[in-house]
Amino acid sequence: MEYKGAWVPATNTPTLADGVGNNGDVYRASADGSADTGHGSINYFTGDFIIYSGTIWERSPMADGVMSVNGYTGAVTLVTDDIAEDGSP
């Protein structure tokens, strides 16, 4: 695998497209956003990796962060109304 740098999903910058790249190329999403590299739109979150398989670009969720908090994803800010006071979900 070769880390190539930061990538912005919402603008697909730098431009990534299925069928183009070297097997093992890796970028890391620098912001939340959706992108379609050629096989349908996929949601990415800051820190996710996008890795070229030799055929298509595939999302790999970030491994060093929390994926969700209390059912919310992305940059989460909880308020007291988001947390049950009786201990129930």
N, C-alpha and C. Protein backbone atom coordinates (compact mmCIF):
# COMPACT_ATOMS: atom_id res chain seq x y z
N MET A 1 0.84 -1.17 0.00
CA MET A 1 0.00 0.00 0.00
C MET A 1 0.89 1.24 0.00
N GLU A 2 0.45 2.22 -0.77
CA GLU A 2 1.20 3.47 -0.84
C GLU A 2 0.27 4.64 -0.55
N TYR A 3 0.57 5.35 0.55
CA TYR A 3 -0.24 6.50 0.94
C TYR A 3 0.04 7.64 -0.03
N LYS A 4 -1.03 8.18 -0.62
CA LYS A 4 -0.88 9.22 -1.63
C LYS A 4 -1.24 10.61 -1.09
N GLY A 5 -1.94 10.69 0.04
CA GLY A 5 -2.28 11.98 0.62
C GLY A 5 -3.74 12.13 0.96
N ALA A 6 -4.15 13.37 1.16
CA ALA A 6 -5.54 13.69 1.54
C ALA A 6 -6.41 13.74 0.29
N TRP A 7 -7.70 13.45 0.51
CA TRP A 7 -8.68 13.43 -0.57
C TRP A 7 -9.96 14.05 -0.04
N VAL A 8 -10.65 14.85 -0.85
CA VAL A 8 -11.91 15.50 -0.47
C VAL A 8 -13.05 14.80 -1.23
N PRO A 9 -13.85 13.99 -0.54
CA PRO A 9 -14.90 13.24 -1.22
C PRO A 9 -15.93 14.10 -1.94
N ALA A 10 -16.39 15.17 -1.32
CA ALA A 10 -17.48 15.99 -1.89
C ALA A 10 -17.12 16.56 -3.26
N THR A 11 -15.83 16.82 -3.48
CA THR A 11 -15.38 17.38 -4.77
C THR A 11 -14.53 16.38 -5.56
N ASN A 12 -14.31 15.20 -4.96
CA ASN A 12 -13.46 14.16 -5.56
C ASN A 12 -12.11 14.77 -5.98
N THR A 13 -11.46 15.42 -4.99
CA THR A 13 -10.18 16.08 -5.24
C THR A 13 -9.10 15.47 -4.35
N PRO A 14 -8.03 14.93 -4.94
CA PRO A 14 -7.80 14.77 -6.37
C PRO A 14 -8.79 13.77 -6.97
N THR A 15 -8.98 13.85 -8.27
CA THR A 15 -9.96 13.02 -8.97
C THR A 15 -9.56 11.54 -8.93
N LEU A 16 -10.46 10.71 -8.39
CA LEU A 16 -10.27 9.26 -8.36
C LEU A 16 -11.37 8.63 -9.20
N ALA A 17 -11.02 7.66 -10.03
CA ALA A 17 -11.99 6.99 -10.89
C ALA A 17 -11.64 5.52 -10.99
N ASP A 18 -12.68 4.67 -10.94
CA ASP A 18 -12.47 3.24 -11.12
C ASP A 18 -11.73 3.00 -12.43
N GLY A 19 -10.80 2.05 -12.41
CA GLY A 19 -10.02 1.73 -13.60
C GLY A 19 -8.76 2.57 -13.73
N VAL A 20 -8.58 3.54 -12.81
CA VAL A 20 -7.41 4.41 -12.88
C VAL A 20 -6.71 4.42 -11.52
N GLY A 21 -5.45 4.04 -11.51
CA GLY A 21 -4.66 4.02 -10.28
C GLY A 21 -3.77 2.81 -10.24
N ASN A 22 -3.00 2.72 -9.19
CA ASN A 22 -2.13 1.57 -8.97
C ASN A 22 -2.66 0.76 -7.81
N ASN A 23 -2.67 -0.56 -7.94
CA ASN A 23 -3.14 -1.44 -6.88
C ASN A 23 -2.46 -1.05 -5.57
N GLY A 24 -3.26 -0.75 -4.55
CA GLY A 24 -2.73 -0.40 -3.24
C GLY A 24 -2.58 1.08 -2.99
N ASP A 25 -2.91 1.94 -3.95
CA ASP A 25 -2.91 3.38 -3.70
C ASP A 25 -3.93 3.68 -2.60
N VAL A 26 -3.56 4.57 -1.67
CA VAL A 26 -4.42 4.89 -0.53
C VAL A 26 -4.49 6.40 -0.35
N TYR A 27 -5.70 6.90 -0.16
CA TYR A 27 -5.93 8.29 0.22
C TYR A 27 -6.73 8.28 1.51
N ARG A 28 -6.67 9.40 2.26
CA ARG A 28 -7.47 9.53 3.47
C ARG A 28 -8.40 10.72 3.32
N ALA A 29 -9.69 10.50 3.59
CA ALA A 29 -10.69 11.57 3.46
C ALA A 29 -10.39 12.68 4.46
N SER A 30 -10.30 13.91 3.95
CA SER A 30 -10.01 15.05 4.81
C SER A 30 -11.27 15.76 5.29
N ALA A 31 -12.44 15.29 4.83
CA ALA A 31 -13.72 15.87 5.23
C ALA A 31 -14.82 14.85 4.95
N ASP A 32 -15.98 15.03 5.58
CA ASP A 32 -17.14 14.20 5.28
C ASP A 32 -17.65 14.55 3.88
N GLY A 33 -18.25 13.58 3.21
CA GLY A 33 -18.86 13.85 1.91
C GLY A 33 -19.16 12.58 1.16
N SER A 34 -19.88 12.71 0.06
CA SER A 34 -20.22 11.59 -0.80
C SER A 34 -19.44 11.70 -2.10
N ALA A 35 -19.10 10.53 -2.65
CA ALA A 35 -18.38 10.51 -3.93
C ALA A 35 -18.77 9.27 -4.70
N ASP A 36 -18.73 9.38 -6.02
CA ASP A 36 -18.96 8.25 -6.92
C ASP A 36 -17.73 8.13 -7.82
N THR A 37 -16.94 7.10 -7.57
CA THR A 37 -15.73 6.89 -8.38
C THR A 37 -16.01 6.02 -9.60
N GLY A 38 -17.29 5.62 -9.76
CA GLY A 38 -17.66 4.85 -10.93
C GLY A 38 -18.58 3.67 -10.66
N HIS A 39 -18.84 3.37 -9.39
CA HIS A 39 -19.73 2.24 -9.09
C HIS A 39 -20.79 2.61 -8.04
N GLY A 40 -21.22 3.87 -8.06
CA GLY A 40 -22.27 4.33 -7.16
C GLY A 40 -21.75 5.25 -6.09
N SER A 41 -22.62 6.12 -5.61
CA SER A 41 -22.25 7.09 -4.58
C SER A 41 -22.05 6.41 -3.23
N ILE A 42 -20.98 6.79 -2.55
CA ILE A 42 -20.65 6.23 -1.24
C ILE A 42 -20.40 7.40 -0.30
N ASN A 43 -20.90 7.29 0.94
CA ASN A 43 -20.65 8.30 1.97
C ASN A 43 -19.32 8.02 2.64
N TYR A 44 -18.52 9.07 2.79
CA TYR A 44 -17.23 8.98 3.47
C TYR A 44 -17.24 9.92 4.66
N PHE A 45 -16.51 9.55 5.68
CA PHE A 45 -16.36 10.38 6.87
C PHE A 45 -14.89 10.76 7.02
N THR A 46 -14.64 11.90 7.63
CA THR A 46 -13.28 12.35 7.85
C THR A 46 -12.46 11.22 8.48
N GLY A 47 -11.33 10.91 7.88
CA GLY A 47 -10.46 9.86 8.39
C GLY A 47 -10.60 8.53 7.68
N ASP A 48 -11.71 8.34 6.93
CA ASP A 48 -11.85 7.10 6.16
C ASP A 48 -10.74 7.00 5.12
N PHE A 49 -10.40 5.78 4.78
CA PHE A 49 -9.45 5.54 3.71
C PHE A 49 -10.21 5.15 2.45
N ILE A 50 -9.65 5.48 1.30
CA ILE A 50 -10.14 4.98 0.03
C ILE A 50 -8.93 4.30 -0.63
N ILE A 51 -9.11 3.04 -0.96
CA ILE A 51 -7.99 2.19 -1.41
C ILE A 51 -8.32 1.62 -2.78
N TYR A 52 -7.34 1.67 -3.67
CA TYR A 52 -7.54 1.13 -5.01
C TYR A 52 -7.21 -0.36 -5.03
N SER A 53 -8.18 -1.16 -5.48
CA SER A 53 -8.04 -2.62 -5.49
C SER A 53 -7.35 -3.15 -6.74
N GLY A 54 -7.07 -2.26 -7.67
CA GLY A 54 -6.57 -2.68 -8.97
C GLY A 54 -7.66 -2.61 -10.02
N THR A 55 -8.91 -2.48 -9.56
CA THR A 55 -10.07 -2.37 -10.43
C THR A 55 -10.97 -1.21 -10.02
N ILE A 56 -11.31 -1.14 -8.72
CA ILE A 56 -12.19 -0.10 -8.20
C ILE A 56 -11.59 0.53 -6.95
N TRP A 57 -12.09 1.74 -6.60
CA TRP A 57 -11.75 2.39 -5.36
C TRP A 57 -12.74 1.94 -4.29
N GLU A 58 -12.23 1.50 -3.15
CA GLU A 58 -13.07 0.96 -2.08
C GLU A 58 -12.88 1.75 -0.79
N ARG A 59 -13.98 1.95 -0.08
CA ARG A 59 -13.95 2.65 1.21
C ARG A 59 -13.49 1.70 2.30
N SER A 60 -12.60 2.19 3.15
CA SER A 60 -12.19 1.48 4.36
C SER A 60 -12.42 2.43 5.52
N PRO A 61 -13.38 2.11 6.41
CA PRO A 61 -13.69 3.03 7.50
C PRO A 61 -12.47 3.29 8.38
N MET A 62 -12.42 4.50 8.94
CA MET A 62 -11.30 4.82 9.82
C MET A 62 -11.24 3.83 10.97
N ALA A 63 -10.04 3.47 11.33
CA ALA A 63 -9.85 2.50 12.40
C ALA A 63 -9.42 3.17 13.69
N ASP A 64 -9.10 4.47 13.62
CA ASP A 64 -8.58 5.14 14.80
C ASP A 64 -9.56 6.14 15.39
N GLY A 65 -10.84 5.98 15.09
CA GLY A 65 -11.83 6.91 15.63
C GLY A 65 -13.15 6.22 15.91
N VAL A 66 -14.03 6.92 16.53
CA VAL A 66 -15.36 6.42 16.84
C VAL A 66 -16.24 6.54 15.60
N MET A 67 -16.97 5.48 15.26
CA MET A 67 -17.82 5.50 14.08
C MET A 67 -19.16 6.17 14.36
N SER A 68 -19.69 6.01 15.58
CA SER A 68 -20.95 6.66 15.92
C SER A 68 -21.04 6.84 17.43
N VAL A 69 -21.86 7.81 17.83
CA VAL A 69 -22.10 8.09 19.24
C VAL A 69 -23.61 8.25 19.42
N ASN A 70 -24.19 7.40 20.24
CA ASN A 70 -25.62 7.51 20.55
C ASN A 70 -26.48 7.54 19.29
N GLY A 71 -26.05 6.81 18.25
CA GLY A 71 -26.81 6.74 17.01
C GLY A 71 -26.49 7.82 16.00
N TYR A 72 -25.60 8.75 16.33
CA TYR A 72 -25.20 9.82 15.42
C TYR A 72 -23.85 9.49 14.79
N THR A 73 -23.63 9.95 13.55
CA THR A 73 -22.35 9.75 12.89
C THR A 73 -21.78 11.09 12.47
N GLY A 74 -20.52 11.09 12.06
CA GLY A 74 -19.86 12.34 11.67
C GLY A 74 -19.37 13.08 12.90
N ALA A 75 -19.25 14.38 12.80
CA ALA A 75 -18.83 15.21 13.93
C ALA A 75 -20.02 15.35 14.87
N VAL A 76 -19.99 14.65 16.00
CA VAL A 76 -21.15 14.55 16.89
C VAL A 76 -21.00 15.50 18.07
N THR A 77 -22.07 16.24 18.34
CA THR A 77 -22.18 17.05 19.55
C THR A 77 -23.49 16.66 20.21
N LEU A 78 -23.41 16.10 21.41
CA LEU A 78 -24.61 15.69 22.13
C LEU A 78 -25.07 16.81 23.05
N VAL A 79 -26.38 16.88 23.21
CA VAL A 79 -26.98 17.77 24.21
C VAL A 79 -27.73 16.87 25.19
N THR A 80 -28.12 17.42 26.32
CA THR A 80 -28.75 16.58 27.35
C THR A 80 -30.00 15.86 26.86
N ASP A 81 -30.74 16.45 25.91
CA ASP A 81 -31.93 15.79 25.36
C ASP A 81 -31.58 14.52 24.59
N ASP A 82 -30.32 14.36 24.18
CA ASP A 82 -29.90 13.16 23.44
C ASP A 82 -29.65 11.97 24.36
N ILE A 83 -29.62 12.19 25.66
CA ILE A 83 -29.25 11.14 26.61
C ILE A 83 -30.42 10.87 27.55
N ALA A 84 -30.87 9.59 27.59
CA ALA A 84 -31.97 9.22 28.48
C ALA A 84 -31.50 9.29 29.92
N GLU A 85 -32.28 9.93 30.77
CA GLU A 85 -31.88 10.11 32.17
C GLU A 85 -32.21 8.91 33.03
N ASP A 86 -33.07 8.02 32.56
CA ASP A 86 -33.43 6.85 33.36
C ASP A 86 -32.57 5.63 33.02
N GLY A 87 -31.58 5.81 32.15
CA GLY A 87 -30.70 4.72 31.78
C GLY A 87 -31.18 3.89 30.61
N SER A 88 -32.39 4.17 30.10
CA SER A 88 -32.90 3.42 28.94
C SER A 88 -32.39 4.05 27.66
N PRO A 89 -32.32 3.25 26.58
CA PRO A 89 -31.84 3.80 25.31
C PRO A 89 -32.80 4.78 24.68
